[in-house]
Amino acid sequence: MKKHYISLPNCARAAGTQAVRAGNLIFVGGQMSLDDQGNVVGTDIKTQARNAFEALKQVLGEAGATMADVV
């Protein structure tokens, strides 16, 4: 099966591959609460979780998917 490696362009937190698409499946790596320069954002779990999910949304978008596609 052909693999397509996905990463966010022009983003320090996107160093390397963020996800891999294999067929109709997308495998996403762990996301952190980082800004575009790679600095940790937020001092509490609520803020960091919100930012990690926003990062996940961006990676999914780059792969052509949305949070509605997550199982």
PDB file of N, CA and C in Angstrom:
ATOM      1  N   MET A   1       0.840  -1.169   0.000  1.00  0.00           N
ATOM      2  CA  MET A   1       0.000   0.000   0.000  1.00  0.00           C
ATOM      3  C   MET A   1       0.891   1.240   0.000  1.00  0.00           C
ATOM      4  N   LYS A   2       0.554   2.195  -0.840  1.00  0.00           N
ATOM      5  CA  LYS A   2       1.318   3.429  -0.944  1.00  0.00           C
ATOM      6  C   LYS A   2       1.081   4.296   0.293  1.00  0.00           C
ATOM      7  N   LYS A   3       2.148   4.911   0.804  1.00  0.00           N
ATOM      8  CA  LYS A   3       2.056   5.800   1.963  1.00  0.00           C
ATOM      9  C   LYS A   3       2.333   7.227   1.530  1.00  0.00           C
ATOM     10  N   HIS A   4       1.577   8.162   2.084  1.00  0.00           N
ATOM     11  CA  HIS A   4       1.767   9.584   1.825  1.00  0.00           C
ATOM     12  C   HIS A   4       2.078  10.250   3.165  1.00  0.00           C
ATOM     13  N   TYR A   5       3.255  10.860   3.283  1.00  0.00           N
ATOM     14  CA  TYR A   5       3.675  11.491   4.528  1.00  0.00           C
ATOM     15  C   TYR A   5       3.200  12.939   4.545  1.00  0.00           C
ATOM     16  N   ILE A   6       2.611  13.349   5.673  1.00  0.00           N
ATOM     17  CA  ILE A   6       1.970  14.657   5.786  1.00  0.00           C
ATOM     18  C   ILE A   6       2.663  15.481   6.856  1.00  0.00           C
ATOM     19  N   SER A   7       3.000  16.717   6.520  1.00  0.00           N
ATOM     20  CA  SER A   7       3.540  17.655   7.496  1.00  0.00           C
ATOM     21  C   SER A   7       3.036  19.050   7.148  1.00  0.00           C
ATOM     22  N   LEU A   8       2.974  19.899   8.151  1.00  0.00           N
ATOM     23  CA  LEU A   8       2.512  21.269   7.944  1.00  0.00           C
ATOM     24  C   LEU A   8       3.666  22.111   7.403  1.00  0.00           C
ATOM     25  N   PRO A   9       3.439  22.850   6.336  1.00  0.00           N
ATOM     26  CA  PRO A   9       4.506  23.681   5.777  1.00  0.00           C
ATOM     27  C   PRO A   9       4.742  24.925   6.641  1.00  0.00           C
ATOM     28  N   ASN A  10       5.976  25.395   6.665  1.00  0.00           N
ATOM     29  CA  ASN A  10       6.344  26.665   7.320  1.00  0.00           C
ATOM     30  C   ASN A  10       5.920  26.749   8.771  1.00  0.00           C
ATOM     31  N   CYS A  11       6.154  25.721   9.533  1.00  0.00           N
ATOM     32  CA  CYS A  11       5.731  25.704  10.926  1.00  0.00           C
ATOM     33  C   CYS A  11       6.772  24.948  11.745  1.00  0.00           C
ATOM     34  N   ALA A  12       7.374  25.611  12.746  1.00  0.00           N
ATOM     35  CA  ALA A  12       8.431  24.981  13.552  1.00  0.00           C
ATOM     36  C   ALA A  12       7.914  23.743  14.274  1.00  0.00           C
ATOM     37  N   ARG A  13       6.661  23.771  14.731  1.00  0.00           N
ATOM     38  CA  ARG A  13       6.147  22.602  15.448  1.00  0.00           C
ATOM     39  C   ARG A  13       5.911  21.427  14.516  1.00  0.00           C
ATOM     40  N   ALA A  14       6.008  21.675  13.218  1.00  0.00           N
ATOM     41  CA  ALA A  14       5.760  20.627  12.238  1.00  0.00           C
ATOM     42  C   ALA A  14       7.042  19.994  11.737  1.00  0.00           C
ATOM     43  N   ALA A  15       8.123  20.124  12.488  1.00  0.00           N
ATOM     44  CA  ALA A  15       9.375  19.514  12.055  1.00  0.00           C
ATOM     45  C   ALA A  15       9.165  18.013  11.898  1.00  0.00           C
ATOM     46  N   GLY A  16       9.363  17.530  10.702  1.00  0.00           N
ATOM     47  CA  GLY A  16       9.170  16.106  10.443  1.00  0.00           C
ATOM     48  C   GLY A  16       7.746  15.798  10.029  1.00  0.00           C
ATOM     49  N   THR A  17       7.434  14.538  10.020  1.00  0.00           N
ATOM     50  CA  THR A  17       6.126  14.065   9.592  1.00  0.00           C
ATOM     51  C   THR A  17       5.114  14.142  10.727  1.00  0.00           C
ATOM     52  N   GLN A  18       3.940  14.702  10.470  1.00  0.00           N
ATOM     53  CA  GLN A  18       2.876  14.789  11.462  1.00  0.00           C
ATOM     54  C   GLN A  18       1.887  13.639  11.331  1.00  0.00           C
ATOM     55  N   ALA A  19       1.760  13.110  10.103  1.00  0.00           N
ATOM     56  CA  ALA A  19       0.785  12.044   9.870  1.00  0.00           C
ATOM     57  C   ALA A  19       1.204  11.244   8.641  1.00  0.00           C
ATOM     58  N   VAL A  20       0.610  10.066   8.519  1.00  0.00           N
ATOM     59  CA  VAL A  20       0.829   9.219   7.347  1.00  0.00           C
ATOM     60  C   VAL A  20      -0.536   8.756   6.864  1.00  0.00           C
ATOM     61  N   ARG A  21      -0.771   8.934   5.566  1.00  0.00           N
ATOM     62  CA  ARG A  21      -1.996   8.416   4.951  1.00  0.00           C
ATOM     63  C   ARG A  21      -1.625   7.122   4.243  1.00  0.00           C
ATOM     64  N   ALA A  22      -2.367   6.072   4.548  1.00  0.00           N
ATOM     65  CA  ALA A  22      -2.199   4.779   3.892  1.00  0.00           C
ATOM     66  C   ALA A  22      -3.586   4.358   3.421  1.00  0.00           C
ATOM     67  N   GLY A  23      -3.816   4.452   2.127  1.00  0.00           N
ATOM     68  CA  GLY A  23      -5.156   4.181   1.604  1.00  0.00           C
ATOM     69  C   GLY A  23      -6.123   5.227   2.127  1.00  0.00           C
ATOM     70  N   ASN A  24      -7.224   4.782   2.739  1.00  0.00           N
ATOM     71  CA  ASN A  24      -8.194   5.735   3.270  1.00  0.00           C
ATOM     72  C   ASN A  24      -8.026   5.953   4.777  1.00  0.00           C
ATOM     73  N   LEU A  25      -6.891   5.518   5.330  1.00  0.00           N
ATOM     74  CA  LEU A  25      -6.605   5.711   6.752  1.00  0.00           C
ATOM     75  C   LEU A  25      -5.546   6.790   6.937  1.00  0.00           C
ATOM     76  N   ILE A  26      -5.688   7.578   7.997  1.00  0.00           N
ATOM     77  CA  ILE A  26      -4.706   8.600   8.340  1.00  0.00           C
ATOM     78  C   ILE A  26      -4.242   8.327   9.766  1.00  0.00           C
ATOM     79  N   PHE A  27      -2.941   8.143   9.929  1.00  0.00           N
ATOM     80  CA  PHE A  27      -2.349   7.905  11.240  1.00  0.00           C
ATOM     81  C   PHE A  27      -1.634   9.183  11.669  1.00  0.00           C
ATOM     82  N   VAL A  28      -2.083   9.760  12.789  1.00  0.00           N
ATOM     83  CA  VAL A  28      -1.559  11.045  13.249  1.00  0.00           C
ATOM     84  C   VAL A  28      -0.661  10.826  14.460  1.00  0.00           C
ATOM     85  N   GLY A  29       0.509  11.489  14.444  1.00  0.00           N
ATOM     86  CA  GLY A  29       1.429  11.429  15.580  1.00  0.00           C
ATOM     87  C   GLY A  29       0.926  12.303  16.720  1.00  0.00           C
ATOM     88  N   GLY A  30       1.557  12.185  17.861  1.00  0.00           N
ATOM     89  CA  GLY A  30       1.181  12.976  19.024  1.00  0.00           C
ATOM     90  C   GLY A  30       1.317  14.462  18.760  1.00  0.00           C
ATOM     91  N   GLN A  31       0.383  15.224  19.223  1.00  0.00           N
ATOM     92  CA  GLN A  31       0.390  16.671  19.041  1.00  0.00           C
ATOM     93  C   GLN A  31       0.603  17.331  20.394  1.00  0.00           C
ATOM     94  N   MET A  32       1.311  18.449  20.384  1.00  0.00           N
ATOM     95  CA  MET A  32       1.589  19.183  21.620  1.00  0.00           C
ATOM     96  C   MET A  32       1.059  20.605  21.499  1.00  0.00           C
ATOM     97  N   SER A  33       0.991  21.282  22.631  1.00  0.00           N
ATOM     98  CA  SER A  33       0.560  22.676  22.672  1.00  0.00           C
ATOM     99  C   SER A  33       1.769  23.569  22.407  1.00  0.00           C
ATOM    100  N   LEU A  34       2.078  23.747  21.112  1.00  0.00           N
ATOM    101  CA  LEU A  34       3.233  24.554  20.711  1.00  0.00           C
ATOM    102  C   LEU A  34       2.799  25.666  19.770  1.00  0.00           C
ATOM    103  N   ASP A  35       3.509  26.807  19.828  1.00  0.00           N
ATOM    104  CA  ASP A  35       3.244  27.862  18.856  1.00  0.00           C
ATOM    105  C   ASP A  35       4.071  27.583  17.600  1.00  0.00           C
ATOM    106  N   ASP A  36       3.991  28.481  16.621  1.00  0.00           N
ATOM    107  CA  ASP A  36       4.670  28.253  15.348  1.00  0.00           C
ATOM    108  C   ASP A  36       6.193  28.270  15.472  1.00  0.00           C
ATOM    109  N   GLN A  37       6.726  28.782  16.581  1.00  0.00           N
ATOM    110  CA  GLN A  37       8.170  28.788  16.806  1.00  0.00           C
ATOM    111  C   GLN A  37       8.629  27.585  17.629  1.00  0.00           C
ATOM    112  N   GLY A  38       7.696  26.736  18.055  1.00  0.00           N
ATOM    113  CA  GLY A  38       8.037  25.547  18.811  1.00  0.00           C
ATOM    114  C   GLY A  38       8.045  25.737  20.317  1.00  0.00           C
ATOM    115  N   ASN A  39       7.526  26.877  20.811  1.00  0.00           N
ATOM    116  CA  ASN A  39       7.457  27.141  22.248  1.00  0.00           C
ATOM    117  C   ASN A  39       6.164  26.587  22.830  1.00  0.00           C
ATOM    118  N   VAL A  40       6.242  26.052  24.053  1.00  0.00           N
ATOM    119  CA  VAL A  40       5.053  25.535  24.729  1.00  0.00           C
ATOM    120  C   VAL A  40       4.085  26.684  25.007  1.00  0.00           C
ATOM    121  N   VAL A  41       2.802  26.441  24.706  1.00  0.00           N
ATOM    122  CA  VAL A  41       1.748  27.433  24.930  1.00  0.00           C
ATOM    123  C   VAL A  41       0.847  26.937  26.051  1.00  0.00           C
ATOM    124  N   GLY A  42       0.605  27.791  27.038  1.00  0.00           N
ATOM    125  CA  GLY A  42      -0.315  27.465  28.124  1.00  0.00           C
ATOM    126  C   GLY A  42       0.389  26.871  29.327  1.00  0.00           C
ATOM    127  N   THR A  43      -0.120  27.235  30.498  1.00  0.00           N
ATOM    128  CA  THR A  43       0.452  26.728  31.748  1.00  0.00           C
ATOM    129  C   THR A  43      -0.504  25.775  32.454  1.00  0.00           C
ATOM    130  N   ASP A  44      -1.694  25.597  31.889  1.00  0.00           N
ATOM    131  CA  ASP A  44      -2.669  24.699  32.506  1.00  0.00           C
ATOM    132  C   ASP A  44      -3.126  23.665  31.480  1.00  0.00           C
ATOM    133  N   ILE A  45      -3.644  22.565  31.984  1.00  0.00           N
ATOM    134  CA  ILE A  45      -4.027  21.437  31.124  1.00  0.00           C
ATOM    135  C   ILE A  45      -5.139  21.810  30.142  1.00  0.00           C
ATOM    136  N   LYS A  46      -6.058  22.670  30.555  1.00  0.00           N
ATOM    137  CA  LYS A  46      -7.163  23.059  29.683  1.00  0.00           C
ATOM    138  C   LYS A  46      -6.642  23.783  28.438  1.00  0.00           C
ATOM    139  N   THR A  47      -5.755  24.735  28.636  1.00  0.00           N
ATOM    140  CA  THR A  47      -5.191  25.495  27.516  1.00  0.00           C
ATOM    141  C   THR A  47      -4.343  24.598  26.629  1.00  0.00           C
ATOM    142  N   GLN A  48      -3.504  23.768  27.245  1.00  0.00           N
ATOM    143  CA  GLN A  48      -2.637  22.900  26.461  1.00  0.00           C
ATOM    144  C   GLN A  48      -3.446  21.870  25.672  1.00  0.00           C
ATOM    145  N   ALA A  49      -4.496  21.317  26.269  1.00  0.00           N
ATOM    146  CA  ALA A  49      -5.343  20.356  25.554  1.00  0.00           C
ATOM    147  C   ALA A  49      -6.041  21.021  24.372  1.00  0.00           C
ATOM    148  N   ARG A  50      -6.579  22.223  24.588  1.00  0.00           N
ATOM    149  CA  ARG A  50      -7.246  22.950  23.506  1.00  0.00           C
ATOM    150  C   ARG A  50      -6.273  23.178  22.340  1.00  0.00           C
ATOM    151  N   ASN A  51      -5.058  23.601  22.652  1.00  0.00           N
ATOM    152  CA  ASN A  51      -4.072  23.862  21.608  1.00  0.00           C
ATOM    153  C   ASN A  51      -3.626  22.580  20.906  1.00  0.00           C
ATOM    154  N   ALA A  52      -3.505  21.487  21.646  1.00  0.00           N
ATOM    155  CA  ALA A  52      -3.128  20.213  21.029  1.00  0.00           C
ATOM    156  C   ALA A  52      -4.205  19.759  20.044  1.00  0.00           C
ATOM    157  N   PHE A  53      -5.474  19.942  20.408  1.00  0.00           N
ATOM    158  CA  PHE A  53      -6.554  19.569  19.489  1.00  0.00           C
ATOM    159  C   PHE A  53      -6.600  20.494  18.276  1.00  0.00           C
ATOM    160  N   GLU A  54      -6.251  21.760  18.449  1.00  0.00           N
ATOM    161  CA  GLU A  54      -6.171  22.672  17.299  1.00  0.00           C
ATOM    162  C   GLU A  54      -5.058  22.219  16.353  1.00  0.00           C
ATOM    163  N   ALA A  55      -3.935  21.781  16.923  1.00  0.00           N
ATOM    164  CA  ALA A  55      -2.842  21.261  16.099  1.00  0.00           C
ATOM    165  C   ALA A  55      -3.300  20.008  15.351  1.00  0.00           C
ATOM    166  N   LEU A  56      -4.045  19.146  16.032  1.00  0.00           N
ATOM    167  CA  LEU A  56      -4.589  17.949  15.396  1.00  0.00           C
ATOM    168  C   LEU A  56      -5.496  18.321  14.226  1.00  0.00           C
ATOM    169  N   LYS A  57      -6.354  19.327  14.423  1.00  0.00           N
ATOM    170  CA  LYS A  57      -7.241  19.788  13.344  1.00  0.00           C
ATOM    171  C   LYS A  57      -6.432  20.258  12.137  1.00  0.00           C
ATOM    172  N   GLN A  58      -5.334  20.975  12.391  1.00  0.00           N
ATOM    173  CA  GLN A  58      -4.502  21.466  11.284  1.00  0.00           C
ATOM    174  C   GLN A  58      -3.884  20.315  10.506  1.00  0.00           C
ATOM    175  N   VAL A  59      -3.374  19.327  11.207  1.00  0.00           N
ATOM    176  CA  VAL A  59      -2.766  18.175  10.535  1.00  0.00           C
ATOM    177  C   VAL A  59      -3.821  17.419   9.732  1.00  0.00           C
ATOM    178  N   LEU A  60      -4.981  17.196  10.330  1.00  0.00           N
ATOM    179  CA  LEU A  60      -6.058  16.527   9.604  1.00  0.00           C
ATOM    180  C   LEU A  60      -6.456  17.312   8.362  1.00  0.00           C
ATOM    181  N   GLY A  61      -6.540  18.631   8.481  1.00  0.00           N
ATOM    182  CA  GLY A  61      -6.870  19.467   7.340  1.00  0.00           C
ATOM    183  C   GLY A  61      -5.867  19.325   6.209  1.00  0.00           C
ATOM    184  N   GLU A  62      -4.598  19.263   6.570  1.00  0.00           N
ATOM    185  CA  GLU A  62      -3.539  19.088   5.580  1.00  0.00           C
ATOM    186  C   GLU A  62      -3.671  17.739   4.878  1.00  0.00           C
ATOM    187  N   ALA A  63      -4.260  16.767   5.583  1.00  0.00           N
ATOM    188  CA  ALA A  63      -4.474  15.430   5.018  1.00  0.00           C
ATOM    189  C   ALA A  63      -5.810  15.323   4.288  1.00  0.00           C
ATOM    190  N   GLY A  64      -6.596  16.414   4.299  1.00  0.00           N
ATOM    191  CA  GLY A  64      -7.893  16.383   3.628  1.00  0.00           C
ATOM    192  C   GLY A  64      -9.008  15.813   4.479  1.00  0.00           C
ATOM    193  N   ALA A  65      -8.848  15.861   5.805  1.00  0.00           N
ATOM    194  CA  ALA A  65      -9.850  15.312   6.717  1.00  0.00           C
ATOM    195  C   ALA A  65     -10.223  16.372   7.763  1.00  0.00           C
ATOM    196  N   THR A  66     -11.225  16.035   8.574  1.00  0.00           N
ATOM    197  CA  THR A  66     -11.667  16.904   9.672  1.00  0.00           C
ATOM    198  C   THR A  66     -11.815  16.070  10.943  1.00  0.00           C
ATOM    199  N   MET A  67     -12.119  16.732  12.036  1.00  0.00           N
ATOM    200  CA  MET A  67     -12.350  16.024  13.290  1.00  0.00           C
ATOM    201  C   MET A  67     -13.544  15.077  13.169  1.00  0.00           C
ATOM    202  N   ALA A  68     -14.458  15.355  12.269  1.00  0.00           N
ATOM    203  CA  ALA A  68     -15.624  14.482  12.067  1.00  0.00           C
ATOM    204  C   ALA A  68     -15.210  13.125  11.497  1.00  0.00           C
ATOM    205  N   ASP A  69     -14.005  13.038  10.936  1.00  0.00           N
ATOM    206  CA  ASP A  69     -13.521  11.781  10.379  1.00  0.00           C
ATOM    207  C   ASP A  69     -12.793  10.915  11.397  1.00  0.00           C
ATOM    208  N   VAL A  70     -12.567  11.434  12.602  1.00  0.00           N
ATOM    209  CA  VAL A  70     -11.811  10.717  13.622  1.00  0.00           C
ATOM    210  C   VAL A  70     -12.692   9.661  14.282  1.00  0.00           C
ATOM    211  N   VAL A  71     -12.139   8.469  14.466  1.00  0.00           N
ATOM    212  CA  VAL A  71     -12.859   7.402  15.164  1.00  0.00           C
ATOM    213  C   VAL A  71     -12.040   6.934  16.358  1.00  0.00           C
TER     214      VAL A  71
END
